[in-house]
C-alpha atoms as a PDB file:
ATOM      1  CA  MET A   1      95.688  44.225 -90.419  1.00  0.00           C
ATOM      2  CA  GLU A   2      91.914  44.407 -90.092  1.00  0.00           C
ATOM      3  CA  LEU A   3      88.959  45.064 -92.438  1.00  0.00           C
ATOM      4  CA  ASP A   4      86.599  42.421 -93.862  1.00  0.00           C
ATOM      5  CA  ILE A   5      89.388  40.614 -95.703  1.00  0.00           C
ATOM      6  CA  THR A   6      91.853  37.781 -95.228  1.00  0.00           C
ATOM      7  CA  TRP A   7      95.579  38.408 -95.515  1.00  0.00           C
ATOM      8  CA  ARG A   8      97.835  35.710 -96.940  1.00  0.00           C
ATOM      9  CA  PRO A   9     100.905  35.303 -99.163  1.00  0.00           C
ATOM     10  CA  ILE A  10     100.525  35.204-102.928  1.00  0.00           C
ATOM     11  CA  ASP A  11     100.176  31.715-104.389  1.00  0.00           C
ATOM     12  CA  PRO A  12     101.387  30.923-107.940  1.00  0.00           C
ATOM     13  CA  GLU A  13      97.791  29.911-108.698  1.00  0.00           C
ATOM     14  CA  ASP A  14      96.800  33.574-108.192  1.00  0.00           C
ATOM     15  CA  ALA A  15      98.578  34.718-111.374  1.00  0.00           C
ATOM     16  CA  ALA A  16      95.476  35.042-113.584  1.00  0.00           C
ATOM     17  CA  ARG A  17      93.467  36.928-110.942  1.00  0.00           C
ATOM     18  CA  LEU A  18      96.407  39.183-110.115  1.00  0.00           C
ATOM     19  CA  SER A  19      96.853  40.090-113.778  1.00  0.00           C
ATOM     20  CA  GLU A  20      93.146  40.944-113.991  1.00  0.00           C
ATOM     21  CA  LEU A  21      93.441  43.213-110.945  1.00  0.00           C
ATOM     22  CA  PHE A  22      96.654  44.834-112.229  1.00  0.00           C
ATOM     23  CA  ASN A  23      95.015  45.607-115.570  1.00  0.00           C
ATOM     24  CA  ALA A  24      91.895  47.044-113.899  1.00  0.00           C
ATOM     25  CA  VAL A  25      94.140  49.389-111.901  1.00  0.00           C
ATOM     26  CA  ALA A  26      96.067  50.361-115.046  1.00  0.00           C
ATOM     27  CA  ASP A  27      92.806  51.121-116.874  1.00  0.00           C
ATOM     28  CA  LEU A  28      91.653  53.390-114.058  1.00  0.00           C
ATOM     29  CA  ASP A  29      95.012  55.144-113.638  1.00  0.00           C
ATOM     30  CA  ASP A  30      95.565  55.382-117.412  1.00  0.00           C
ATOM     31  CA  THR A  31      99.049  53.877-117.206  1.00  0.00           C
ATOM     32  CA  PRO A  32     100.523  52.014-120.198  1.00  0.00           C
ATOM     33  CA  GLU A  33     101.578  48.606-118.883  1.00  0.00           C
ATOM     34  CA  ARG A  34      99.313  45.546-118.894  1.00  0.00           C
ATOM     35  CA  LEU A  35     100.161  42.039-117.685  1.00  0.00           C
ATOM     36  CA  SER A  36      98.913  38.780-119.158  1.00  0.00           C
ATOM     37  CA  PRO A  37      98.545  35.777-116.812  1.00  0.00           C
ATOM     38  CA  GLU A  38     101.732  34.342-118.331  1.00  0.00           C
ATOM     39  CA  THR A  39     103.682  37.531-117.725  1.00  0.00           C
ATOM     40  CA  MET A  40     102.310  37.821-114.193  1.00  0.00           C
ATOM     41  CA  ALA A  41     103.344  34.226-113.464  1.00  0.00           C
ATOM     42  CA  HIS A  42     106.863  35.139-114.560  1.00  0.00           C
ATOM     43  CA  GLU A  43     106.779  38.252-112.371  1.00  0.00           C
ATOM     44  CA  LEU A  44     106.014  36.079-109.350  1.00  0.00           C
ATOM     45  CA  THR A  45     109.356  34.338-109.706  1.00  0.00           C
ATOM     46  CA  ALA A  46     111.106  37.659-108.993  1.00  0.00           C
ATOM     47  CA  TRP A  47     109.292  38.026-105.651  1.00  0.00           C
ATOM     48  CA  GLU A  48     110.299  34.694-104.138  1.00  0.00           C
ATOM     49  CA  PRO A  49     110.132  33.530-101.421  1.00  0.00           C
ATOM     50  CA  LEU A  50     106.447  34.409-101.763  1.00  0.00           C
ATOM     51  CA  GLU A  51     105.730  33.512 -98.131  1.00  0.00           C
ATOM     52  CA  GLU A  52     107.979  36.331 -96.909  1.00  0.00           C
ATOM     53  CA  ARG A  53     107.788  38.953 -99.643  1.00  0.00           C
ATOM     54  CA  THR A  54     104.189  39.012-100.856  1.00  0.00           C
ATOM     55  CA  VAL A  55     100.722  39.592 -99.445  1.00  0.00           C
ATOM     56  CA  VAL A  56      97.182  39.326-100.821  1.00  0.00           C
ATOM     57  CA  ALA A  57      94.098  41.042 -99.432  1.00  0.00           C
ATOM     58  CA  GLU A  58      91.302  38.569-100.169  1.00  0.00           C
ATOM     59  CA  ASN A  59      87.609  39.433 -99.916  1.00  0.00           C
ATOM     60  CA  ASP A  60      85.153  37.147 -98.119  1.00  0.00           C
ATOM     61  CA  ASP A  61      83.930  35.839-101.485  1.00  0.00           C
ATOM     62  CA  GLY A  62      87.449  34.806-102.501  1.00  0.00           C
ATOM     63  CA  THR A  63      88.079  37.678-104.913  1.00  0.00           C
ATOM     64  CA  ILE A  64      91.271  39.696-104.552  1.00  0.00           C
ATOM     65  CA  ALA A  65      90.975  43.228-103.192  1.00  0.00           C
ATOM     66  CA  GLY A  66      94.677  44.048-103.467  1.00  0.00           C
ATOM     67  CA  TYR A  67      98.198  42.743-103.276  1.00  0.00           C
ATOM     68  CA  GLY A  68     101.714  43.884-102.462  1.00  0.00           C
ATOM     69  CA  PHE A  69     105.228  42.586-102.877  1.00  0.00           C
ATOM     70  CA  VAL A  70     108.908  43.188-102.233  1.00  0.00           C
ATOM     71  CA  TYR A  71     111.432  42.867-105.050  1.00  0.00           C
ATOM     72  CA  PHE A  72     115.052  42.313-103.998  1.00  0.00           C
ATOM     73  CA  ARG A  73     117.759  41.771-106.578  1.00  0.00           C
ATOM     74  CA  GLY A  74     120.459  40.780-104.097  1.00  0.00           C
ATOM     75  CA  ALA A  75     124.217  40.513-104.825  1.00  0.00           C
ATOM     76  CA  ASP A  76     127.128  41.811-102.776  1.00  0.00           C
ATOM     77  CA  SER A  77     127.138  45.598-102.696  1.00  0.00           C
ATOM     78  CA  GLU A  78     127.854  48.429-100.294  1.00  0.00           C
ATOM     79  CA  GLU A  79     124.387  49.772-101.073  1.00  0.00           C
ATOM     80  CA  GLN A  80     121.330  47.549-101.163  1.00  0.00           C
ATOM     81  CA  ARG A  81     117.831  48.423-102.319  1.00  0.00           C
ATOM     82  CA  VAL A  82     114.508  46.666-102.158  1.00  0.00           C
ATOM     83  CA  TYR A  83     111.599  47.805-104.297  1.00  0.00           C
ATOM     84  CA  VAL A  84     108.057  47.696-102.971  1.00  0.00           C
ATOM     85  CA  SER A  85     104.777  47.872-104.880  1.00  0.00           C
ATOM     86  CA  SER A  86     101.103  47.464-104.101  1.00  0.00           C
ATOM     87  CA  TYR A  87      97.852  47.518-106.051  1.00  0.00           C
ATOM     88  CA  VAL A  88      94.257  47.822-104.882  1.00  0.00           C
ATOM     89  CA  HIS A  89      91.209  46.931-106.953  1.00  0.00           C
ATOM     90  CA  PRO A  90      89.330  50.079-108.059  1.00  0.00           C
ATOM     91  CA  GLU A  91      86.248  48.958-106.114  1.00  0.00           C
ATOM     92  CA  ARG A  92      88.223  48.712-102.850  1.00  0.00           C
ATOM     93  CA  ARG A  93      90.285  51.892-102.942  1.00  0.00           C
ATOM     94  CA  GLN A  94      88.220  53.493-100.238  1.00  0.00           C
ATOM     95  CA  GLY A  95      88.644  51.919 -96.836  1.00  0.00           C
ATOM     96  CA  GLY A  96      92.344  51.909 -96.013  1.00  0.00           C
ATOM     97  CA  ILE A  97      93.559  48.781 -97.805  1.00  0.00           C
ATOM     98  CA  GLU A  98      96.125  50.705 -99.858  1.00  0.00           C
ATOM     99  CA  GLU A  99      97.838  52.229 -96.831  1.00  0.00           C
ATOM    100  CA  LEU A 100      97.903  48.874 -95.047  1.00  0.00           C
ATOM    101  CA  LEU A 101      99.528  47.266 -98.073  1.00  0.00           C
ATOM    102  CA  ILE A 102     102.122  50.028 -98.322  1.00  0.00           C
ATOM    103  CA  ASP A 103     103.001  49.677 -94.640  1.00  0.00           C
ATOM    104  CA  TRP A 104     103.231  45.882 -94.949  1.00  0.00           C
ATOM    105  CA  THR A 105     105.548  46.009 -97.970  1.00  0.00           C
ATOM    106  CA  ILE A 106     107.814  48.621 -96.367  1.00  0.00           C
ATOM    107  CA  ALA A 107     108.133  46.540 -93.204  1.00  0.00           C
ATOM    108  CA  ALA A 108     108.777  43.379 -95.243  1.00  0.00           C
ATOM    109  CA  GLY A 109     111.383  45.236 -97.276  1.00  0.00           C
ATOM    110  CA  GLU A 110     113.153  46.391 -94.133  1.00  0.00           C
ATOM    111  CA  ASP A 111     113.186  42.777 -92.916  1.00  0.00           C
ATOM    112  CA  VAL A 112     114.900  41.704 -96.126  1.00  0.00           C
ATOM    113  CA  LEU A 113     117.487  44.467 -95.828  1.00  0.00           C
ATOM    114  CA  ALA A 114     118.171  43.586 -92.190  1.00  0.00           C
ATOM    115  CA  GLU A 115     119.651  40.309 -93.407  1.00  0.00           C
ATOM    116  CA  THR A 116     122.248  42.073 -95.591  1.00  0.00           C
ATOM    117  CA  THR A 117     125.646  43.442 -94.572  1.00  0.00           C
ATOM    118  CA  ALA A 118     125.448  46.551 -96.758  1.00  0.00           C
ATOM    119  CA  SER A 119     126.629  49.797 -95.206  1.00  0.00           C
ATOM    120  CA  ARG A 120     123.642  51.673 -96.663  1.00  0.00           C
ATOM    121  CA  ARG A 121     120.180  50.212 -97.230  1.00  0.00           C
ATOM    122  CA  PHE A 122     117.137  51.697 -98.924  1.00  0.00           C
ATOM    123  CA  VAL A 123     113.472  50.909 -99.494  1.00  0.00           C
ATOM    124  CA  CYS A 124     112.332  52.200-102.887  1.00  0.00           C
ATOM    125  CA  ALA A 125     109.084  52.559-104.807  1.00  0.00           C
ATOM    126  CA  TRP A 126     108.794  53.317-108.527  1.00  0.00           C
ATOM    127  CA  LEU A 127     105.716  55.275-109.603  1.00  0.00           C
ATOM    128  CA  TYR A 128     104.488  56.869-112.789  1.00  0.00           C
ATOM    129  CA  LYS A 129     104.746  60.604-112.236  1.00  0.00           C
ATOM    130  CA  LYS A 130     101.027  61.105-112.812  1.00  0.00           C
ATOM    131  CA  LEU A 131     100.222  59.021-109.690  1.00  0.00           C
ATOM    132  CA  GLU A 132     100.566  62.013-107.391  1.00  0.00           C
ATOM    133  CA  ASP A 133      98.078  60.769-104.782  1.00  0.00           C
ATOM    134  CA  ARG A 134     100.028  57.549-104.342  1.00  0.00           C
ATOM    135  CA  ALA A 135     103.330  59.425-104.220  1.00  0.00           C
ATOM    136  CA  ARG A 136     102.024  61.488-101.316  1.00  0.00           C
ATOM    137  CA  LEU A 137     101.411  58.268 -99.345  1.00  0.00           C
ATOM    138  CA  TYR A 138     105.109  57.492 -99.621  1.00  0.00           C
ATOM    139  CA  GLU A 139     106.126  61.071 -98.882  1.00  0.00           C
ATOM    140  CA  ARG A 140     104.186  60.893 -95.615  1.00  0.00           C
ATOM    141  CA  ARG A 141     106.259  57.833 -94.750  1.00  0.00           C
ATOM    142  CA  GLY A 142     109.575  59.631 -95.210  1.00  0.00           C
ATOM    143  CA  PHE A 143     110.269  58.802 -98.858  1.00  0.00           C
ATOM    144  CA  SER A 144     111.749  61.386-101.211  1.00  0.00           C
ATOM    145  CA  ALA A 145     112.112  61.512-104.990  1.00  0.00           C
ATOM    146  CA  VAL A 146     115.658  60.525-105.921  1.00  0.00           C
ATOM    147  CA  ARG A 147     115.599  59.566-109.598  1.00  0.00           C
ATOM    148  CA  HIS A 148     113.519  60.383-112.644  1.00  0.00           C
ATOM    149  CA  TRP A 149     112.932  58.095-115.612  1.00  0.00           C
ATOM    150  CA  TRP A 150     111.662  58.544-119.128  1.00  0.00           C
ATOM    151  CA  GLU A 151     109.771  56.059-121.255  1.00  0.00           C
ATOM    152  CA  MET A 152     110.573  57.070-124.827  1.00  0.00           C
ATOM    153  CA  GLU A 153     108.999  56.088-128.134  1.00  0.00           C
ATOM    154  CA  ARG A 154     109.935  56.145-131.782  1.00  0.00           C
ATOM    155  CA  PRO A 155     107.349  55.431-134.505  1.00  0.00           C
ATOM    156  CA  LEU A 156     108.463  52.906-137.129  1.00  0.00           C
ATOM    157  CA  ALA A 157     106.277  54.033-140.040  1.00  0.00           C
ATOM    158  CA  ALA A 158     109.254  55.529-141.841  1.00  0.00           C
ATOM    159  CA  GLU A 159     112.255  53.439-142.824  1.00  0.00           C
ATOM    160  CA  VAL A 160     114.990  53.296-140.195  1.00  0.00           C
ATOM    161  CA  PRO A 161     118.332  54.441-141.644  1.00  0.00           C
ATOM    162  CA  ALA A 162     121.319  52.140-141.260  1.00  0.00           C
ATOM    163  CA  ALA A 163     124.101  53.171-138.902  1.00  0.00           C
ATOM    164  CA  PRO A 164     127.807  52.786-139.730  1.00  0.00           C
ATOM    165  CA  GLU A 165     129.650  49.883-138.106  1.00  0.00           C
ATOM    166  CA  GLU A 166     133.333  50.806-137.912  1.00  0.00           C
ATOM    167  CA  PHE A 167     135.733  48.363-136.229  1.00  0.00           C
ATOM    168  CA  PHE A 168     132.772  46.298-135.019  1.00  0.00           C
ATOM    169  CA  SER A 169     129.763  44.407-136.390  1.00  0.00           C
ATOM    170  CA  VAL A 170     126.173  43.991-135.200  1.00  0.00           C
ATOM    171  CA  VAL A 171     124.934  40.422-135.581  1.00  0.00           C
ATOM    172  CA  PRO A 172     121.738  38.550-134.619  1.00  0.00           C
ATOM    173  CA  TRP A 173     121.400  37.256-131.065  1.00  0.00           C
ATOM    174  CA  GLU A 174     122.224  33.548-130.750  1.00  0.00           C
ATOM    175  CA  ASP A 175     121.749  31.213-127.794  1.00  0.00           C
ATOM    176  CA  THR A 176     125.511  30.910-127.477  1.00  0.00           C
ATOM    177  CA  HIS A 177     125.758  34.649-126.847  1.00  0.00           C
ATOM    178  CA  SER A 178     123.737  34.547-123.633  1.00  0.00           C
ATOM    179  CA  ALA A 179     126.552  33.797-121.175  1.00  0.00           C
ATOM    180  CA  PRO A 180     128.974  36.462-122.475  1.00  0.00           C
ATOM    181  CA  ILE A 181     126.155  38.999-122.844  1.00  0.00           C
ATOM    182  CA  ARG A 182     125.462  38.684-119.110  1.00  0.00           C
ATOM    183  CA  LEU A 183     129.059  39.697-118.403  1.00  0.00           C
ATOM    184  CA  VAL A 184     128.795  42.622-120.808  1.00  0.00           C
ATOM    185  CA  HIS A 185     125.555  43.678-119.131  1.00  0.00           C
ATOM    186  CA  ASN A 186     127.136  43.620-115.667  1.00  0.00           C
ATOM    187  CA  ALA A 187     130.169  45.600-116.824  1.00  0.00           C
ATOM    188  CA  ALA A 188     128.189  48.109-118.897  1.00  0.00           C
ATOM    189  CA  PHE A 189     125.836  49.004-116.052  1.00  0.00           C
ATOM    190  CA  LEU A 190     128.435  49.049-113.275  1.00  0.00           C
ATOM    191  CA  ASP A 191     128.367  52.871-113.181  1.00  0.00           C
ATOM    192  CA  HIS A 192     124.564  53.182-113.364  1.00  0.00           C
ATOM    193  CA  TRP A 193     122.500  54.195-110.363  1.00  0.00           C
ATOM    194  CA  GLY A 194     121.084  51.286-108.419  1.00  0.00           C
ATOM    195  CA  SER A 195     122.477  48.652-110.780  1.00  0.00           C
ATOM    196  CA  ILE A 196     123.191  45.220-109.302  1.00  0.00           C
ATOM    197  CA  PRO A 197     125.187  42.572-111.213  1.00  0.00           C
ATOM    198  CA  MET A 198     123.188  39.516-112.278  1.00  0.00           C
ATOM    199  CA  ASP A 199     124.452  36.026-111.552  1.00  0.00           C
ATOM    200  CA  GLU A 200     123.799  33.173-113.988  1.00  0.00           C
ATOM    201  CA  HIS A 201     120.587  32.101-112.257  1.00  0.00           C
ATOM    202  CA  ALA A 202     119.103  35.623-112.183  1.00  0.00           C
ATOM    203  CA  TRP A 203     120.043  36.234-115.818  1.00  0.00           C
ATOM    204  CA  GLN A 204     118.453  33.015-116.963  1.00  0.00           C
ATOM    205  CA  ARG A 205     115.271  33.494-114.943  1.00  0.00           C
ATOM    206  CA  ARG A 206     114.680  37.212-115.428  1.00  0.00           C
ATOM    207  CA  MET A 207     115.975  37.736-118.954  1.00  0.00           C
ATOM    208  CA  VAL A 208     116.302  34.559-121.029  1.00  0.00           C
ATOM    209  CA  GLU A 209     113.072  33.031-119.683  1.00  0.00           C
ATOM    210  CA  SER A 210     111.042  36.247-119.884  1.00  0.00           C
ATOM    211  CA  PRO A 211     107.813  35.563-121.829  1.00  0.00           C
ATOM    212  CA  GLY A 212     108.335  38.784-123.763  1.00  0.00           C
ATOM    213  CA  PHE A 213     111.917  38.089-124.875  1.00  0.00           C
ATOM    214  CA  ARG A 214     112.341  38.136-128.664  1.00  0.00           C
ATOM    215  CA  PRO A 215     115.783  36.830-129.658  1.00  0.00           C
ATOM    216  CA  ASP A 216     114.755  37.256-133.305  1.00  0.00           C
ATOM    217  CA  LEU A 217     114.553  41.018-132.688  1.00  0.00           C
ATOM    218  CA  SER A 218     117.674  41.186-130.499  1.00  0.00           C
ATOM    219  CA  PHE A 219     121.295  41.826-131.472  1.00  0.00           C
ATOM    220  CA  VAL A 220     124.868  41.814-130.222  1.00  0.00           C
ATOM    221  CA  ALA A 221     127.886  43.896-131.213  1.00  0.00           C
ATOM    222  CA  VAL A 222     131.216  42.182-131.696  1.00  0.00           C
ATOM    223  CA  ALA A 223     134.737  43.459-132.345  1.00  0.00           C
ATOM    224  CA  GLY A 224     136.860  40.580-133.555  1.00  0.00           C
ATOM    225  CA  ASP A 225     136.259  37.817-131.024  1.00  0.00           C
ATOM    226  CA  GLU A 226     135.071  40.214-128.305  1.00  0.00           C
ATOM    227  CA  LEU A 227     131.423  40.862-127.499  1.00  0.00           C
ATOM    228  CA  ILE A 228     131.156  44.594-126.749  1.00  0.00           C
ATOM    229  CA  GLY A 229     127.436  45.416-126.617  1.00  0.00           C
ATOM    230  CA  TYR A 230     123.916  44.080-126.884  1.00  0.00           C
ATOM    231  CA  ALA A 231     120.282  45.021-127.483  1.00  0.00           C
ATOM    232  CA  TYR A 232     117.854  42.800-125.572  1.00  0.00           C
ATOM    233  CA  ASN A 233     114.358  43.302-126.978  1.00  0.00           C
ATOM    234  CA  GLU A 234     110.883  42.237-125.882  1.00  0.00           C
ATOM    235  CA  VAL A 235     107.302  42.266-127.149  1.00  0.00           C
ATOM    236  CA  TYR A 236     104.238  42.279-124.880  1.00  0.00           C
ATOM    237  CA  GLU A 237     101.090  42.081-126.960  1.00  0.00           C
ATOM    238  CA  GLU A 238      98.933  42.645-123.875  1.00  0.00           C
ATOM    239  CA  ASP A 239     100.025  46.320-123.972  1.00  0.00           C
ATOM    240  CA  TRP A 240      98.869  46.939-127.515  1.00  0.00           C
ATOM    241  CA  GLU A 241      95.157  47.566-126.986  1.00  0.00           C
ATOM    242  CA  ALA A 242      95.769  50.323-124.426  1.00  0.00           C
ATOM    243  CA  ALA A 243      98.558  51.787-126.569  1.00  0.00           C
ATOM    244  CA  GLY A 244      96.434  51.744-129.712  1.00  0.00           C
ATOM    245  CA  ARG A 245      99.293  50.241-131.718  1.00  0.00           C
ATOM    246  CA  SER A 246     101.786  47.386-131.784  1.00  0.00           C
ATOM    247  CA  GLU A 247     105.021  48.019-129.893  1.00  0.00           C
ATOM    248  CA  ALA A 248     108.336  46.404-129.065  1.00  0.00           C
ATOM    249  CA  TRP A 249     110.610  47.259-126.160  1.00  0.00           C
ATOM    250  CA  ILE A 250     114.350  47.751-126.287  1.00  0.00           C
ATOM    251  CA  SER A 251     114.469  46.482-122.727  1.00  0.00           C
ATOM    252  CA  GLY A 252     118.227  46.241-122.374  1.00  0.00           C
ATOM    253  CA  LEU A 253     120.890  48.192-124.248  1.00  0.00           C
ATOM    254  CA  GLY A 254     124.449  47.983-122.988  1.00  0.00           C
ATOM    255  CA  VAL A 255     127.856  48.899-124.391  1.00  0.00           C
ATOM    256  CA  LEU A 256     131.199  48.394-122.660  1.00  0.00           C
ATOM    257  CA  ARG A 257     132.518  51.718-121.407  1.00  0.00           C
ATOM    258  CA  GLU A 258     135.636  51.629-123.573  1.00  0.00           C
ATOM    259  CA  TRP A 259     133.394  51.328-126.640  1.00  0.00           C
ATOM    260  CA  ARG A 260     130.983  54.139-125.791  1.00  0.00           C
ATOM    261  CA  LYS A 261     130.646  57.113-128.150  1.00  0.00           C
ATOM    262  CA  LYS A 262     131.887  55.027-131.082  1.00  0.00           C
ATOM    263  CA  GLY A 263     128.525  54.362-132.682  1.00  0.00           C
ATOM    264  CA  VAL A 264     127.917  50.950-131.128  1.00  0.00           C
ATOM    265  CA  GLY A 265     124.701  51.917-129.339  1.00  0.00           C
ATOM    266  CA  THR A 266     123.354  53.673-132.427  1.00  0.00           C
ATOM    267  CA  ALA A 267     124.068  50.648-134.601  1.00  0.00           C
ATOM    268  CA  LEU A 268     122.392  48.281-132.129  1.00  0.00           C
ATOM    269  CA  LEU A 269     119.336  50.525-132.015  1.00  0.00           C
ATOM    270  CA  ALA A 270     119.170  50.806-135.806  1.00  0.00           C
ATOM    271  CA  LYS A 271     119.362  47.033-136.329  1.00  0.00           C
ATOM    272  CA  SER A 272     116.737  46.498-133.624  1.00  0.00           C
ATOM    273  CA  MET A 273     114.292  48.984-135.076  1.00  0.00           C
ATOM    274  CA  GLN A 274     114.809  47.687-138.604  1.00  0.00           C
ATOM    275  CA  ALA A 275     113.942  44.185-137.414  1.00  0.00           C
ATOM    276  CA  MET A 276     110.912  45.456-135.509  1.00  0.00           C
ATOM    277  CA  ARG A 277     109.695  47.318-138.575  1.00  0.00           C
ATOM    278  CA  ARG A 278     110.107  44.227-140.774  1.00  0.00           C
ATOM    279  CA  ALA A 279     108.071  42.288-138.208  1.00  0.00           C
ATOM    280  CA  GLY A 280     105.209  44.752-138.721  1.00  0.00           C
ATOM    281  CA  LEU A 281     105.549  46.545-135.391  1.00  0.00           C
ATOM    282  CA  GLU A 282     104.527  50.178-135.286  1.00  0.00           C
ATOM    283  CA  ALA A 283     106.688  51.680-132.532  1.00  0.00           C
ATOM    284  CA  ALA A 284     109.873  51.061-130.574  1.00  0.00           C
ATOM    285  CA  MET A 285     109.929  51.843-126.857  1.00  0.00           C
ATOM    286  CA  ILE A 286     112.815  52.309-124.457  1.00  0.00           C
ATOM    287  CA  GLY A 287     113.223  53.356-120.819  1.00  0.00           C
ATOM    288  CA  VAL A 288     116.086  55.535-119.623  1.00  0.00           C
ATOM    289  CA  ASP A 289     117.403  57.180-116.484  1.00  0.00           C
ATOM    290  CA  SER A 290     117.162  60.917-117.156  1.00  0.00           C
ATOM    291  CA  SER A 291     120.550  61.277-115.449  1.00  0.00           C
ATOM    292  CA  SER A 292     122.250  58.314-117.126  1.00  0.00           C
ATOM    293  CA  PRO A 293     126.054  58.581-116.850  1.00  0.00           C
ATOM    294  CA  SER A 294     126.388  57.258-120.402  1.00  0.00           C
ATOM    295  CA  GLY A 295     124.259  60.072-121.814  1.00  0.00           C
ATOM    296  CA  ALA A 296     121.937  57.480-123.346  1.00  0.00           C
ATOM    297  CA  GLN A 297     118.960  59.823-123.268  1.00  0.00           C
ATOM    298  CA  HIS A 298     120.702  62.153-125.725  1.00  0.00           C
ATOM    299  CA  LEU A 299     121.522  59.270-128.053  1.00  0.00           C
ATOM    300  CA  TYR A 300     117.873  58.237-128.142  1.00  0.00           C
ATOM    301  CA  GLN A 301     116.687  61.770-128.823  1.00  0.00           C
ATOM    302  CA  ALA A 302     119.192  62.122-131.664  1.00  0.00           C
ATOM    303  CA  ILE A 303     117.722  59.145-133.531  1.00  0.00           C
ATOM    304  CA  GLY A 304     114.105  60.172-133.159  1.00  0.00           C
ATOM    305  CA  PHE A 305     112.914  58.992-129.758  1.00  0.00           C
ATOM    306  CA  SER A 306     110.705  61.319-127.724  1.00  0.00           C
ATOM    307  CA  THR A 307     109.472  61.071-124.151  1.00  0.00           C
ATOM    308  CA  SER A 308     105.983  59.624-123.827  1.00  0.00           C
ATOM    309  CA  ILE A 309     105.628  59.193-120.067  1.00  0.00           C
ATOM    310  CA  THR A 310     107.756  59.759-116.983  1.00  0.00           C
ATOM    311  CA  GLY A 311     108.279  58.002-113.680  1.00  0.00           C
ATOM    312  CA  THR A 312     110.044  58.589-110.379  1.00  0.00           C
ATOM    313  CA  THR A 313     111.924  56.426-107.914  1.00  0.00           C
ATOM    314  CA  TRP A 314     110.989  57.280-104.327  1.00  0.00           C
ATOM    315  CA  GLN A 315     113.402  56.199-101.621  1.00  0.00           C
ATOM    316  CA  ARG A 316     113.815  56.024 -97.841  1.00  0.00           C
ATOM    317  CA  GLU A 317     117.035  55.013 -96.146  1.00  0.00           C
ATOM    318  CA  VAL A 318     116.859  52.363 -93.452  1.00  0.00           C
ATOM    319  CA  THR A 319     118.899  53.299 -90.396  1.00  0.00           C
END
């Protein structure tokens, strides 16, 4: 790598400056997500080891021109995927830094995959659909669009109707639920594209310790002594200014397959949105695979969610 910059791994002390750069990029691209320094610091834990999976392009004056990273969820699987991302400060987009970062992250991702025993291995990049110029950079590197995602919204101005709970009950999330909810999550998403089971450490770090996690807005579904579903909900106030309203995310919604199409998901959503509305939040948000095997997208549409923005997973197989 050349140019008038220094290349080095990300340091945890970079979190505040990285969040500032990320938000400047989001402002320019008109994308909805923003990251506070606290949220960025939590994101860094998903990219470890930072020395191998991250890179910063630092200007001569010590400011950050761009950064890139590899996200690898791990776990034993016949198919393994790494996700790569990179961001360049709006003032440095001209000059080739973006392409250098993309090439670095792809190569680093392939290095990670080389250490696995999976029979099929893929490097992936997730992009908002509106970022067509960036998508073309991946297309030129052999990536193709393989999955499409919807971010859906439902305003909470009107009262949220209750949903029937037959043969099960929806109850508030308690700390003691966390361990069994992880098992429900792994089972519920076993048939979803690209899903990787979470071990106890990953669940604790990525979910329970997330700065946005709101257990007071989250719920579980139980049938007798069995936990059969959950709604894991988050709030990120740093998004609100760009959104022009207060929002909460239904960031995880899972129901055991044998309990699907019995109203469990609807009841979890209703309880979640009722709690969000009582907390004074103005909209509920949820992300969904447009080809979800559970048909979740149709459930969300039926209770008033509509698509606000779309994204695409781009993928290249490593041979």
